[in-house]
Structure formats: structure tokens, C-alpha cells
């Protein structure tokens, strides 16, 4: 995964503290529905799986469109925050920004 070895300013994503895996035998891409079987190529897919093994988020792009790593990392942080504090992270939420609670009568909503 060459892009983890390059700094963000040089087109990479830099060092990461989250696991990344390669799917050289296409077993994972087939199981998660992003394999173009007749071409033996996987679409550009991102899956966020929590520590309990639960798929929390998935996005699949066609081959000509890449992914936004900043959005992936923001989404991971939002799931972690929501799990820890039991609050809702609205669209475009980033750490330190206001959250909501899943209660329509709450002032925080």
C-alpha cells in the first residue's frame, strides 16, 4: 500500500493508526459485493468495521472516481464519538463541533 508510505502533500495519506488490508485473492471484494468478476478487478470501496466486527459504513465508487480520505477519517471519528458518548454526529461533523441527541424534545437536538 504505497500511498501509506507517502506524505499527504506528495499524493499519499501518510502513516495510519488503523488497519488496512490487501485483497490479493479477491475473497473480500467478492464477499462485500465490489468485485467486477469478469474483469477480476475490485471497485474502489471503503468499509468501516467496528471493534465488534460490525459493518458500520460502506461506500463503493466506480473505477474512475477515487475516495476522499479526509471524509473516511471524519466518519471513523464520528462513529467512535457516537459510540463513546451516545450522541449523534450530524453531517459534516468534525471533532469539537456540536453534536445532537436522538431525542426530539432535547435542547441539544
PDB file of N, CA and C in Angstrom:
ATOM      1  N   UNK A   1       0.830  -1.167   0.000  1.00  0.00           N
ATOM      2  CA  UNK A   1       0.000   0.000   0.000  1.00  0.00           C
ATOM      3  C   UNK A   1       0.879   1.236   0.000  1.00  0.00           C
ATOM      4  N   UNK A   2       1.351   1.517  -1.164  1.00  0.00           N
ATOM      5  CA  UNK A   2       2.320   2.580  -1.381  1.00  0.00           C
ATOM      6  C   UNK A   2       1.835   3.934  -0.859  1.00  0.00           C
ATOM      7  N   UNK A   3       0.554   4.203  -0.977  1.00  0.00           N
ATOM      8  CA  UNK A   3       0.042   5.522  -0.574  1.00  0.00           C
ATOM      9  C   UNK A   3       0.183   5.779   0.922  1.00  0.00           C
ATOM     10  N   UNK A   4       0.388   4.758   1.752  1.00  0.00           N
ATOM     11  CA  UNK A   4       0.607   4.989   3.180  1.00  0.00           C
ATOM     12  C   UNK A   4       2.059   5.352   3.470  1.00  0.00           C
ATOM     13  N   UNK A   5       2.921   5.160   2.478  1.00  0.00           N
ATOM     14  CA  UNK A   5       4.341   5.480   2.647  1.00  0.00           C
ATOM     15  C   UNK A   5       4.665   6.904   2.207  1.00  0.00           C
ATOM     16  N   UNK A   6       3.707   7.563   1.556  1.00  0.00           N
ATOM     17  CA  UNK A   6       3.932   8.922   1.062  1.00  0.00           C
ATOM     18  C   UNK A   6       3.188   9.931   1.912  1.00  0.00           C
ATOM     19  N   UNK A   7       3.802  11.070   2.105  1.00  0.00           N
ATOM     20  CA  UNK A   7       3.175  12.180   2.804  1.00  0.00           C
ATOM     21  C   UNK A   7       1.953  12.667   2.027  1.00  0.00           C
ATOM     22  N   UNK A   8       0.976  13.219   2.727  1.00  0.00           N
ATOM     23  CA  UNK A   8      -0.233  13.734   2.072  1.00  0.00           C
ATOM     24  C   UNK A   8       0.088  14.805   1.035  1.00  0.00           C
ATOM     25  N   UNK A   9       1.075  15.609   1.312  1.00  0.00           N
ATOM     26  CA  UNK A   9       1.434  16.678   0.374  1.00  0.00           C
ATOM     27  C   UNK A   9       2.056  16.139  -0.912  1.00  0.00           C
ATOM     28  N   UNK A  10       2.429  14.846  -0.887  1.00  0.00           N
ATOM     29  CA  UNK A  10       3.029  14.223  -2.069  1.00  0.00           C
ATOM     30  C   UNK A  10       2.105  13.177  -2.691  1.00  0.00           C
ATOM     31  N   UNK A  11       0.802  13.268  -2.385  1.00  0.00           N
ATOM     32  CA  UNK A  11      -0.175  12.381  -3.005  1.00  0.00           C
ATOM     33  C   UNK A  11      -0.523  11.128  -2.227  1.00  0.00           C
ATOM     34  N   UNK A  12       0.065  10.962  -1.062  1.00  0.00           N
ATOM     35  CA  UNK A  12      -0.244   9.787  -0.238  1.00  0.00           C
ATOM     36  C   UNK A  12      -1.194  10.139   0.894  1.00  0.00           C
ATOM     37  N   UNK A  13      -1.307   9.230   1.848  1.00  0.00           N
ATOM     38  CA  UNK A  13      -2.132   9.510   3.026  1.00  0.00           C
ATOM     39  C   UNK A  13      -1.302   9.466   4.301  1.00  0.00           C
ATOM     40  N   UNK A  14      -0.050   9.101   4.186  1.00  0.00           N
ATOM     41  CA  UNK A  14       0.835   9.097   5.341  1.00  0.00           C
ATOM     42  C   UNK A  14       0.599   7.925   6.271  1.00  0.00           C
ATOM     43  N   UNK A  15       1.314   7.931   7.382  1.00  0.00           N
ATOM     44  CA  UNK A  15       1.214   6.853   8.371  1.00  0.00           C
ATOM     45  C   UNK A  15      -0.197   6.792   8.937  1.00  0.00           C
ATOM     46  N   UNK A  16      -0.662   5.573   9.200  1.00  0.00           N
ATOM     47  CA  UNK A  16      -2.022   5.399   9.705  1.00  0.00           C
ATOM     48  C   UNK A  16      -2.007   4.530  10.951  1.00  0.00           C
ATOM     49  N   UNK A  17      -2.904   4.836  11.876  1.00  0.00           N
ATOM     50  CA  UNK A  17      -3.049   4.045  13.098  1.00  0.00           C
ATOM     51  C   UNK A  17      -4.261   3.129  13.029  1.00  0.00           C
ATOM     52  N   UNK A  18      -4.759   2.884  11.823  1.00  0.00           N
ATOM     53  CA  UNK A  18      -5.877   1.972  11.641  1.00  0.00           C
ATOM     54  C   UNK A  18      -5.461   0.891  10.655  1.00  0.00           C
ATOM     55  N   UNK A  19      -6.020  -0.287  10.788  1.00  0.00           N
ATOM     56  CA  UNK A  19      -5.585  -1.380   9.902  1.00  0.00           C
ATOM     57  C   UNK A  19      -6.076  -1.213   8.471  1.00  0.00           C
ATOM     58  N   UNK A  20      -5.214  -1.548   7.545  1.00  0.00           N
ATOM     59  CA  UNK A  20      -5.560  -1.629   6.131  1.00  0.00           C
ATOM     60  C   UNK A  20      -5.199  -3.034   5.684  1.00  0.00           C
ATOM     61  N   UNK A  21      -5.978  -3.572   4.770  1.00  0.00           N
ATOM     62  CA  UNK A  21      -5.694  -4.911   4.288  1.00  0.00           C
ATOM     63  C   UNK A  21      -5.671  -4.931   2.769  1.00  0.00           C
ATOM     64  N   UNK A  22      -4.962  -5.884   2.216  1.00  0.00           N
ATOM     65  CA  UNK A  22      -4.943  -6.100   0.773  1.00  0.00           C
ATOM     66  C   UNK A  22      -5.792  -7.334   0.477  1.00  0.00           C
ATOM     67  N   UNK A  23      -6.412  -7.339  -0.680  1.00  0.00           N
ATOM     68  CA  UNK A  23      -7.305  -8.440  -1.072  1.00  0.00           C
ATOM     69  C   UNK A  23      -6.789  -9.071  -2.361  1.00  0.00           C
ATOM     70  N   UNK A  24      -5.595  -9.631  -2.286  1.00  0.00           N
ATOM     71  CA  UNK A  24      -4.950 -10.142  -3.495  1.00  0.00           C
ATOM     72  C   UNK A  24      -5.669 -11.331  -4.118  1.00  0.00           C
ATOM     73  N   UNK A  25      -6.435 -12.086  -3.343  1.00  0.00           N
ATOM     74  CA  UNK A  25      -7.168 -13.229  -3.905  1.00  0.00           C
ATOM     75  C   UNK A  25      -8.638 -12.913  -4.196  1.00  0.00           C
ATOM     76  N   UNK A  26      -9.049 -11.667  -3.996  1.00  0.00           N
ATOM     77  CA  UNK A  26     -10.409 -11.162  -4.270  1.00  0.00           C
ATOM     78  C   UNK A  26     -11.498 -11.785  -3.405  1.00  0.00           C
ATOM     79  N   UNK A  27     -11.132 -12.482  -2.369  1.00  0.00           N
ATOM     80  CA  UNK A  27     -12.118 -13.104  -1.486  1.00  0.00           C
ATOM     81  C   UNK A  27     -12.968 -12.041  -0.769  1.00  0.00           C
ATOM     82  N   UNK A  28     -12.334 -10.999  -0.294  1.00  0.00           N
ATOM     83  CA  UNK A  28     -13.052  -9.956   0.439  1.00  0.00           C
ATOM     84  C   UNK A  28     -13.922  -9.126  -0.504  1.00  0.00           C
ATOM     85  N   UNK A  29     -13.360  -8.712  -1.629  1.00  0.00           N
ATOM     86  CA  UNK A  29     -14.136  -7.885  -2.562  1.00  0.00           C
ATOM     87  C   UNK A  29     -15.355  -8.640  -3.089  1.00  0.00           C
ATOM     88  N   UNK A  30     -15.236  -9.928  -3.261  1.00  0.00           N
ATOM     89  CA  UNK A  30     -16.385 -10.730  -3.697  1.00  0.00           C
ATOM     90  C   UNK A  30     -17.428 -10.794  -2.582  1.00  0.00           C
ATOM     91  N   UNK A  31     -16.986 -11.056  -1.357  1.00  0.00           N
ATOM     92  CA  UNK A  31     -17.906 -11.167  -0.223  1.00  0.00           C
ATOM     93  C   UNK A  31     -18.644  -9.856   0.049  1.00  0.00           C
ATOM     94  N   UNK A  32     -17.969  -8.728  -0.186  1.00  0.00           N
ATOM     95  CA  UNK A  32     -18.576  -7.426   0.095  1.00  0.00           C
ATOM     96  C   UNK A  32     -19.200  -6.771  -1.136  1.00  0.00           C
ATOM     97  N   UNK A  33     -19.246  -7.490  -2.238  1.00  0.00           N
ATOM     98  CA  UNK A  33     -20.009  -7.021  -3.396  1.00  0.00           C
ATOM     99  C   UNK A  33     -19.381  -5.936  -4.240  1.00  0.00           C
ATOM    100  N   UNK A  34     -18.062  -5.827  -4.240  1.00  0.00           N
ATOM    101  CA  UNK A  34     -17.453  -4.779  -5.063  1.00  0.00           C
ATOM    102  C   UNK A  34     -16.511  -5.333  -6.136  1.00  0.00           C
ATOM    103  N   UNK A  35     -16.571  -6.629  -6.365  1.00  0.00           N
ATOM    104  CA  UNK A  35     -15.712  -7.247  -7.366  1.00  0.00           C
ATOM    105  C   UNK A  35     -16.398  -7.273  -8.728  1.00  0.00           C
ATOM    106  N   UNK A  36     -15.695  -6.795  -9.749  1.00  0.00           N
ATOM    107  CA  UNK A  36     -16.149  -6.953 -11.126  1.00  0.00           C
ATOM    108  C   UNK A  36     -15.552  -8.289 -11.560  1.00  0.00           C
ATOM    109  N   UNK A  37     -16.326  -9.335 -11.404  1.00  0.00           N
ATOM    110  CA  UNK A  37     -15.778 -10.693 -11.555  1.00  0.00           C
ATOM    111  C   UNK A  37     -15.199 -10.978 -12.932  1.00  0.00           C
ATOM    112  N   UNK A  38     -15.876 -10.567 -13.994  1.00  0.00           N
ATOM    113  CA  UNK A  38     -15.367 -10.902 -15.326  1.00  0.00           C
ATOM    114  C   UNK A  38     -14.068 -10.176 -15.657  1.00  0.00           C
ATOM    115  N   UNK A  39     -13.761  -9.109 -14.904  1.00  0.00           N
ATOM    116  CA  UNK A  39     -12.504  -8.387 -15.117  1.00  0.00           C
ATOM    117  C   UNK A  39     -11.469  -8.704 -14.036  1.00  0.00           C
ATOM    118  N   UNK A  40     -11.907  -9.331 -12.933  1.00  0.00           N
ATOM    119  CA  UNK A  40     -11.001  -9.628 -11.831  1.00  0.00           C
ATOM    120  C   UNK A  40     -10.475  -8.384 -11.141  1.00  0.00           C
ATOM    121  N   UNK A  41     -11.314  -7.341 -11.133  1.00  0.00           N
ATOM    122  CA  UNK A  41     -10.930  -6.053 -10.559  1.00  0.00           C
ATOM    123  C   UNK A  41     -11.982  -5.632  -9.535  1.00  0.00           C
ATOM    124  N   UNK A  42     -11.524  -5.078  -8.435  1.00  0.00           N
ATOM    125  CA  UNK A  42     -12.451  -4.570  -7.428  1.00  0.00           C
ATOM    126  C   UNK A  42     -12.698  -3.085  -7.659  1.00  0.00           C
ATOM    127  N   UNK A  43     -13.954  -2.682  -7.460  1.00  0.00           N
ATOM    128  CA  UNK A  43     -14.281  -1.256  -7.489  1.00  0.00           C
ATOM    129  C   UNK A  43     -13.591  -0.588  -6.306  1.00  0.00           C
ATOM    130  N   UNK A  44     -13.538   0.723  -6.328  1.00  0.00           N
ATOM    131  CA  UNK A  44     -12.925   1.473  -5.223  1.00  0.00           C
ATOM    132  C   UNK A  44     -13.915   1.489  -4.059  1.00  0.00           C
ATOM    133  N   UNK A  45     -13.633   0.706  -3.051  1.00  0.00           N
ATOM    134  CA  UNK A  45     -14.568   0.552  -1.941  1.00  0.00           C
ATOM    135  C   UNK A  45     -13.896   0.845  -0.611  1.00  0.00           C
ATOM    136  N   UNK A  46     -14.683   1.362   0.302  1.00  0.00           N
ATOM    137  CA  UNK A  46     -14.224   1.613   1.658  1.00  0.00           C
ATOM    138  C   UNK A  46     -15.256   1.037   2.606  1.00  0.00           C
ATOM    139  N   UNK A  47     -14.791   0.284   3.589  1.00  0.00           N
ATOM    140  CA  UNK A  47     -15.673  -0.306   4.592  1.00  0.00           C
ATOM    141  C   UNK A  47     -15.145   0.082   5.964  1.00  0.00           C
ATOM    142  N   UNK A  48     -16.025   0.544   6.820  1.00  0.00           N
ATOM    143  CA  UNK A  48     -15.655   0.834   8.199  1.00  0.00           C
ATOM    144  C   UNK A  48     -16.315  -0.242   9.051  1.00  0.00           C
ATOM    145  N   UNK A  49     -15.470  -1.044   9.697  1.00  0.00           N
ATOM    146  CA  UNK A  49     -15.934  -2.150  10.524  1.00  0.00           C
ATOM    147  C   UNK A  49     -15.460  -1.871  11.947  1.00  0.00           C
ATOM    148  N   UNK A  50     -16.391  -1.912  12.904  1.00  0.00           N
ATOM    149  CA  UNK A  50     -16.016  -1.556  14.276  1.00  0.00           C
ATOM    150  C   UNK A  50     -15.298  -2.701  14.986  1.00  0.00           C
ATOM    151  N   UNK A  51     -14.941  -2.454  16.230  1.00  0.00           N
ATOM    152  CA  UNK A  51     -14.168  -3.436  17.000  1.00  0.00           C
ATOM    153  C   UNK A  51     -14.964  -4.700  17.305  1.00  0.00           C
ATOM    154  N   UNK A  52     -16.289  -4.660  17.130  1.00  0.00           N
ATOM    155  CA  UNK A  52     -17.126  -5.846  17.334  1.00  0.00           C
ATOM    156  C   UNK A  52     -17.328  -6.616  16.033  1.00  0.00           C
ATOM    157  N   UNK A  53     -16.710  -6.128  14.939  1.00  0.00           N
ATOM    158  CA  UNK A  53     -16.845  -6.791  13.651  1.00  0.00           C
ATOM    159  C   UNK A  53     -18.101  -6.402  12.893  1.00  0.00           C
ATOM    160  N   UNK A  54     -18.745  -5.313  13.302  1.00  0.00           N
ATOM    161  CA  UNK A  54     -19.984  -4.865  12.660  1.00  0.00           C
ATOM    162  C   UNK A  54     -19.656  -3.846  11.572  1.00  0.00           C
ATOM    163  N   UNK A  55     -20.182  -4.088  10.382  1.00  0.00           N
ATOM    164  CA  UNK A  55     -20.021  -3.142   9.279  1.00  0.00           C
ATOM    165  C   UNK A  55     -20.851  -1.906   9.587  1.00  0.00           C
ATOM    166  N   UNK A  56     -20.198  -0.767   9.749  1.00  0.00           N
ATOM    167  CA  UNK A  56     -20.884   0.472  10.118  1.00  0.00           C
ATOM    168  C   UNK A  56     -21.098   1.401   8.930  1.00  0.00           C
ATOM    169  N   UNK A  57     -20.228   1.283   7.930  1.00  0.00           N
ATOM    170  CA  UNK A  57     -20.318   2.172   6.765  1.00  0.00           C
ATOM    171  C   UNK A  57     -19.656   1.490   5.582  1.00  0.00           C
ATOM    172  N   UNK A  58     -20.242   1.702   4.408  1.00  0.00           N
ATOM    173  CA  UNK A  58     -19.594   1.240   3.190  1.00  0.00           C
ATOM    174  C   UNK A  58     -19.866   2.228   2.073  1.00  0.00           C
ATOM    175  N   UNK A  59     -18.884   2.397   1.230  1.00  0.00           N
ATOM    176  CA  UNK A  59     -19.084   3.214   0.033  1.00  0.00           C
ATOM    177  C   UNK A  59     -18.305   2.568  -1.094  1.00  0.00           C
ATOM    178  N   UNK A  60     -18.944   2.521  -2.257  1.00  0.00           N
ATOM    179  CA  UNK A  60     -18.332   1.890  -3.422  1.00  0.00           C
ATOM    180  C   UNK A  60     -18.402   2.872  -4.583  1.00  0.00           C
ATOM    181  N   UNK A  61     -17.251   3.173  -5.139  1.00  0.00           N
ATOM    182  CA  UNK A  61     -17.167   4.066  -6.295  1.00  0.00           C
ATOM    183  C   UNK A  61     -16.784   3.268  -7.527  1.00  0.00           C
ATOM    184  N   UNK A  62     -17.248   3.733  -8.676  1.00  0.00           N
ATOM    185  CA  UNK A  62     -16.811   3.163  -9.935  1.00  0.00           C
ATOM    186  C   UNK A  62     -15.317   3.473 -10.098  1.00  0.00           C
ATOM    187  N   UNK A  63     -14.645   2.732 -10.945  1.00  0.00           N
ATOM    188  CA  UNK A  63     -13.184   2.834 -11.077  1.00  0.00           C
ATOM    189  C   UNK A  63     -12.635   4.229 -11.350  1.00  0.00           C
ATOM    190  N   UNK A  64     -13.296   5.082 -12.148  1.00  0.00           N
ATOM    191  CA  UNK A  64     -12.654   6.360 -12.433  1.00  0.00           C
ATOM    192  C   UNK A  64     -12.730   7.405 -11.316  1.00  0.00           C
ATOM    193  N   UNK A  65     -13.400   7.077 -10.197  1.00  0.00           N
ATOM    194  CA  UNK A  65     -13.550   8.081  -9.136  1.00  0.00           C
ATOM    195  C   UNK A  65     -12.936   7.567  -7.836  1.00  0.00           C
ATOM    196  N   UNK A  66     -12.020   8.336  -7.304  1.00  0.00           N
ATOM    197  CA  UNK A  66     -11.346   7.963  -6.062  1.00  0.00           C
ATOM    198  C   UNK A  66     -12.158   8.315  -4.836  1.00  0.00           C
ATOM    199  N   UNK A  67     -11.565   8.059  -3.677  1.00  0.00           N
ATOM    200  CA  UNK A  67     -12.228   8.311  -2.399  1.00  0.00           C
ATOM    201  C   UNK A  67     -11.585   9.494  -1.698  1.00  0.00           C
ATOM    202  N   UNK A  68     -12.322  10.067  -0.769  1.00  0.00           N
ATOM    203  CA  UNK A  68     -11.844  11.205  -0.006  1.00  0.00           C
ATOM    204  C   UNK A  68     -11.410  10.703   1.373  1.00  0.00           C
ATOM    205  N   UNK A  69     -10.104  10.585   1.591  1.00  0.00           N
ATOM    206  CA  UNK A  69      -9.598  10.037   2.845  1.00  0.00           C
ATOM    207  C   UNK A  69      -9.979  10.906   4.036  1.00  0.00           C
ATOM    208  N   UNK A  70     -10.077  12.215   3.838  1.00  0.00           N
ATOM    209  CA  UNK A  70     -10.488  13.073   4.953  1.00  0.00           C
ATOM    210  C   UNK A  70     -11.901  12.735   5.402  1.00  0.00           C
ATOM    211  N   UNK A  71     -12.786  12.426   4.461  1.00  0.00           N
ATOM    212  CA  UNK A  71     -14.152  12.050   4.814  1.00  0.00           C
ATOM    213  C   UNK A  71     -14.189  10.689   5.493  1.00  0.00           C
ATOM    214  N   UNK A  72     -13.366   9.763   5.044  1.00  0.00           N
ATOM    215  CA  UNK A  72     -13.316   8.447   5.687  1.00  0.00           C
ATOM    216  C   UNK A  72     -12.858   8.592   7.138  1.00  0.00           C
ATOM    217  N   UNK A  73     -11.800   9.346   7.361  1.00  0.00           N
ATOM    218  CA  UNK A  73     -11.295   9.544   8.727  1.00  0.00           C
ATOM    219  C   UNK A  73     -12.300  10.291   9.591  1.00  0.00           C
ATOM    220  N   UNK A  74     -12.994  11.282   9.022  1.00  0.00           N
ATOM    221  CA  UNK A  74     -14.038  12.005   9.759  1.00  0.00           C
ATOM    222  C   UNK A  74     -15.147  11.047  10.173  1.00  0.00           C
ATOM    223  N   UNK A  75     -15.526  10.146   9.281  1.00  0.00           N
ATOM    224  CA  UNK A  75     -16.591   9.190   9.569  1.00  0.00           C
ATOM    225  C   UNK A  75     -16.172   8.213  10.668  1.00  0.00           C
ATOM    226  N   UNK A  76     -14.925   7.746  10.618  1.00  0.00           N
ATOM    227  CA  UNK A  76     -14.423   6.864  11.683  1.00  0.00           C
ATOM    228  C   UNK A  76     -14.494   7.592  13.028  1.00  0.00           C
ATOM    229  N   UNK A  77     -14.042   8.832  13.076  1.00  0.00           N
ATOM    230  CA  UNK A  77     -14.079   9.612  14.323  1.00  0.00           C
ATOM    231  C   UNK A  77     -15.508   9.831  14.797  1.00  0.00           C
ATOM    232  N   UNK A  78     -16.429  10.040  13.870  1.00  0.00           N
ATOM    233  CA  UNK A  78     -17.836  10.247  14.241  1.00  0.00           C
ATOM    234  C   UNK A  78     -18.417   8.973  14.862  1.00  0.00           C
ATOM    235  N   UNK A  79     -18.130   7.814  14.282  1.00  0.00           N
ATOM    236  CA  UNK A  79     -18.608   6.564  14.873  1.00  0.00           C
ATOM    237  C   UNK A  79     -18.006   6.353  16.255  1.00  0.00           C
ATOM    238  N   UNK A  80     -16.726   6.637  16.397  1.00  0.00           N
ATOM    239  CA  UNK A  80     -16.078   6.473  17.698  1.00  0.00           C
ATOM    240  C   UNK A  80     -16.703   7.404  18.728  1.00  0.00           C
ATOM    241  N   UNK A  81     -16.955   8.646  18.342  1.00  0.00           N
ATOM    242  CA  UNK A  81     -17.573   9.612  19.257  1.00  0.00           C
ATOM    243  C   UNK A  81     -18.980   9.161  19.641  1.00  0.00           C
ATOM    244  N   UNK A  82     -19.766   8.795  18.639  1.00  0.00           N
ATOM    245  CA  UNK A  82     -21.144   8.372  18.896  1.00  0.00           C
ATOM    246  C   UNK A  82     -21.177   7.146  19.814  1.00  0.00           C
ATOM    247  N   UNK A  83     -20.274   6.202  19.593  1.00  0.00           N
ATOM    248  CA  UNK A  83     -20.224   5.016  20.438  1.00  0.00           C
ATOM    249  C   UNK A  83     -19.843   5.360  21.869  1.00  0.00           C
ATOM    250  N   UNK A  84     -18.899   6.265  22.032  1.00  0.00           N
ATOM    251  CA  UNK A  84     -18.426   6.615  23.382  1.00  0.00           C
ATOM    252  C   UNK A  84     -19.427   7.465  24.155  1.00  0.00           C
ATOM    253  N   UNK A  85     -20.051   8.443  23.480  1.00  0.00           N
ATOM    254  CA  UNK A  85     -20.895   9.406  24.183  1.00  0.00           C
ATOM    255  C   UNK A  85     -22.388   9.223  23.939  1.00  0.00           C
ATOM    256  N   UNK A  86     -22.771   8.348  23.008  1.00  0.00           N
ATOM    257  CA  UNK A  86     -24.186   8.101  22.752  1.00  0.00           C
ATOM    258  C   UNK A  86     -24.904   9.260  22.091  1.00  0.00           C
ATOM    259  N   UNK A  87     -24.162  10.101  21.417  1.00  0.00           N
ATOM    260  CA  UNK A  87     -24.755  11.254  20.746  1.00  0.00           C
ATOM    261  C   UNK A  87     -24.679  11.087  19.241  1.00  0.00           C
ATOM    262  N   UNK A  88     -25.405  11.930  18.534  1.00  0.00           N
ATOM    263  CA  UNK A  88     -25.486  11.881  17.079  1.00  0.00           C
ATOM    264  C   UNK A  88     -24.559  12.930  16.485  1.00  0.00           C
ATOM    265  N   UNK A  89     -23.762  12.526  15.514  1.00  0.00           N
ATOM    266  CA  UNK A  89     -22.871  13.449  14.822  1.00  0.00           C
ATOM    267  C   UNK A  89     -23.529  13.821  13.488  1.00  0.00           C
ATOM    268  N   UNK A  90     -23.966  15.069  13.347  1.00  0.00           N
ATOM    269  CA  UNK A  90     -24.644  15.462  12.109  1.00  0.00           C
ATOM    270  C   UNK A  90     -23.702  15.491  10.906  1.00  0.00           C
ATOM    271  N   UNK A  91     -24.278  15.647   9.737  1.00  0.00           N
ATOM    272  CA  UNK A  91     -23.482  15.731   8.501  1.00  0.00           C
ATOM    273  C   UNK A  91     -22.401  16.795   8.648  1.00  0.00           C
ATOM    274  N   UNK A  92     -21.239  16.512   8.144  1.00  0.00           N
ATOM    275  CA  UNK A  92     -20.084  17.403   8.177  1.00  0.00           C
ATOM    276  C   UNK A  92     -19.532  17.640   9.578  1.00  0.00           C
ATOM    277  N   UNK A  93     -19.989  16.864  10.574  1.00  0.00           N
ATOM    278  CA  UNK A  93     -19.465  16.988  11.924  1.00  0.00           C
ATOM    279  C   UNK A  93     -17.973  16.695  11.929  1.00  0.00           C
ATOM    280  N   UNK A  94     -17.240  17.450  12.736  1.00  0.00           N
ATOM    281  CA  UNK A  94     -15.835  17.177  12.989  1.00  0.00           C
ATOM    282  C   UNK A  94     -15.608  17.269  14.495  1.00  0.00           C
ATOM    283  N   UNK A  95     -14.557  16.620  15.009  1.00  0.00           N
ATOM    284  CA  UNK A  95     -14.312  16.673  16.448  1.00  0.00           C
ATOM    285  C   UNK A  95     -14.288  18.110  16.968  1.00  0.00           C
ATOM    286  N   UNK A  96     -14.978  18.317  18.074  1.00  0.00           N
ATOM    287  CA  UNK A  96     -15.067  19.633  18.678  1.00  0.00           C
ATOM    288  C   UNK A  96     -16.307  20.410  18.261  1.00  0.00           C
ATOM    289  N   UNK A  97     -16.980  19.959  17.220  1.00  0.00           N
ATOM    290  CA  UNK A  97     -18.204  20.623  16.766  1.00  0.00           C
ATOM    291  C   UNK A  97     -19.398  20.083  17.550  1.00  0.00           C
ATOM    292  N   UNK A  98     -20.513  20.827  17.561  1.00  0.00           N
ATOM    293  CA  UNK A  98     -21.695  20.376  18.316  1.00  0.00           C
ATOM    294  C   UNK A  98     -22.258  19.060  17.786  1.00  0.00           C
ATOM    295  N   UNK A  99     -22.792  18.274  18.708  1.00  0.00           N
ATOM    296  CA  UNK A  99     -23.474  17.029  18.373  1.00  0.00           C
ATOM    297  C   UNK A  99     -24.936  17.168  18.772  1.00  0.00           C
ATOM    298  N   UNK A 100     -25.697  16.123  18.537  1.00  0.00           N
ATOM    299  CA  UNK A 100     -27.108  16.125  18.910  1.00  0.00           C
ATOM    300  C   UNK A 100     -27.401  14.846  19.697  1.00  0.00           C
ATOM    301  N   UNK A 101     -28.591  14.778  20.252  1.00  0.00           N
ATOM    302  CA  UNK A 101     -29.049  13.558  20.898  1.00  0.00           C
ATOM    303  C   UNK A 101     -30.280  13.083  20.146  1.00  0.00           C
ATOM    304  N   UNK A 102     -30.534  11.787  20.202  1.00  0.00           N
ATOM    305  CA  UNK A 102     -31.673  11.220  19.463  1.00  0.00           C
ATOM    306  C   UNK A 102     -32.951  11.361  20.282  1.00  0.00           C
ATOM    307  N   UNK A 103     -33.264  12.616  20.643  1.00  0.00           N
ATOM    308  CA  UNK A 103     -34.466  12.904  21.427  1.00  0.00           C
ATOM    309  C   UNK A 103     -35.043  14.224  20.909  1.00  0.00           C
ATOM    310  N   UNK A 104     -36.182  14.181  20.240  1.00  0.00           N
ATOM    311  CA  UNK A 104     -36.750  15.405  19.663  1.00  0.00           C
ATOM    312  C   UNK A 104     -37.132  16.475  20.666  1.00  0.00           C
ATOM    313  N   UNK A 105     -37.217  16.123  21.939  1.00  0.00           N
ATOM    314  CA  UNK A 105     -37.582  17.117  22.954  1.00  0.00           C
ATOM    315  C   UNK A 105     -36.373  17.761  23.609  1.00  0.00           C
ATOM    316  N   UNK A 106     -35.172  17.294  23.280  1.00  0.00           N
ATOM    317  CA  UNK A 106     -33.954  17.798  23.902  1.00  0.00           C
ATOM    318  C   UNK A 106     -33.539  19.133  23.304  1.00  0.00           C
ATOM    319  N   UNK A 107     -33.019  20.018  24.136  1.00  0.00           N
ATOM    320  CA  UNK A 107     -32.460  21.298  23.697  1.00  0.00           C
ATOM    321  C   UNK A 107     -31.271  21.067  22.765  1.00  0.00           C
ATOM    322  N   UNK A 108     -30.552  19.983  22.994  1.00  0.00           N
ATOM    323  CA  UNK A 108     -29.355  19.711  22.218  1.00  0.00           C
ATOM    324  C   UNK A 108     -29.691  19.311  20.778  1.00  0.00           C
ATOM    325  N   UNK A 109     -30.926  18.819  20.550  1.00  0.00           N
ATOM    326  CA  UNK A 109     -31.332  18.446  19.196  1.00  0.00           C
ATOM    327  C   UNK A 109     -31.640  19.701  18.423  1.00  0.00           C
TER     328      UNK A 109
END
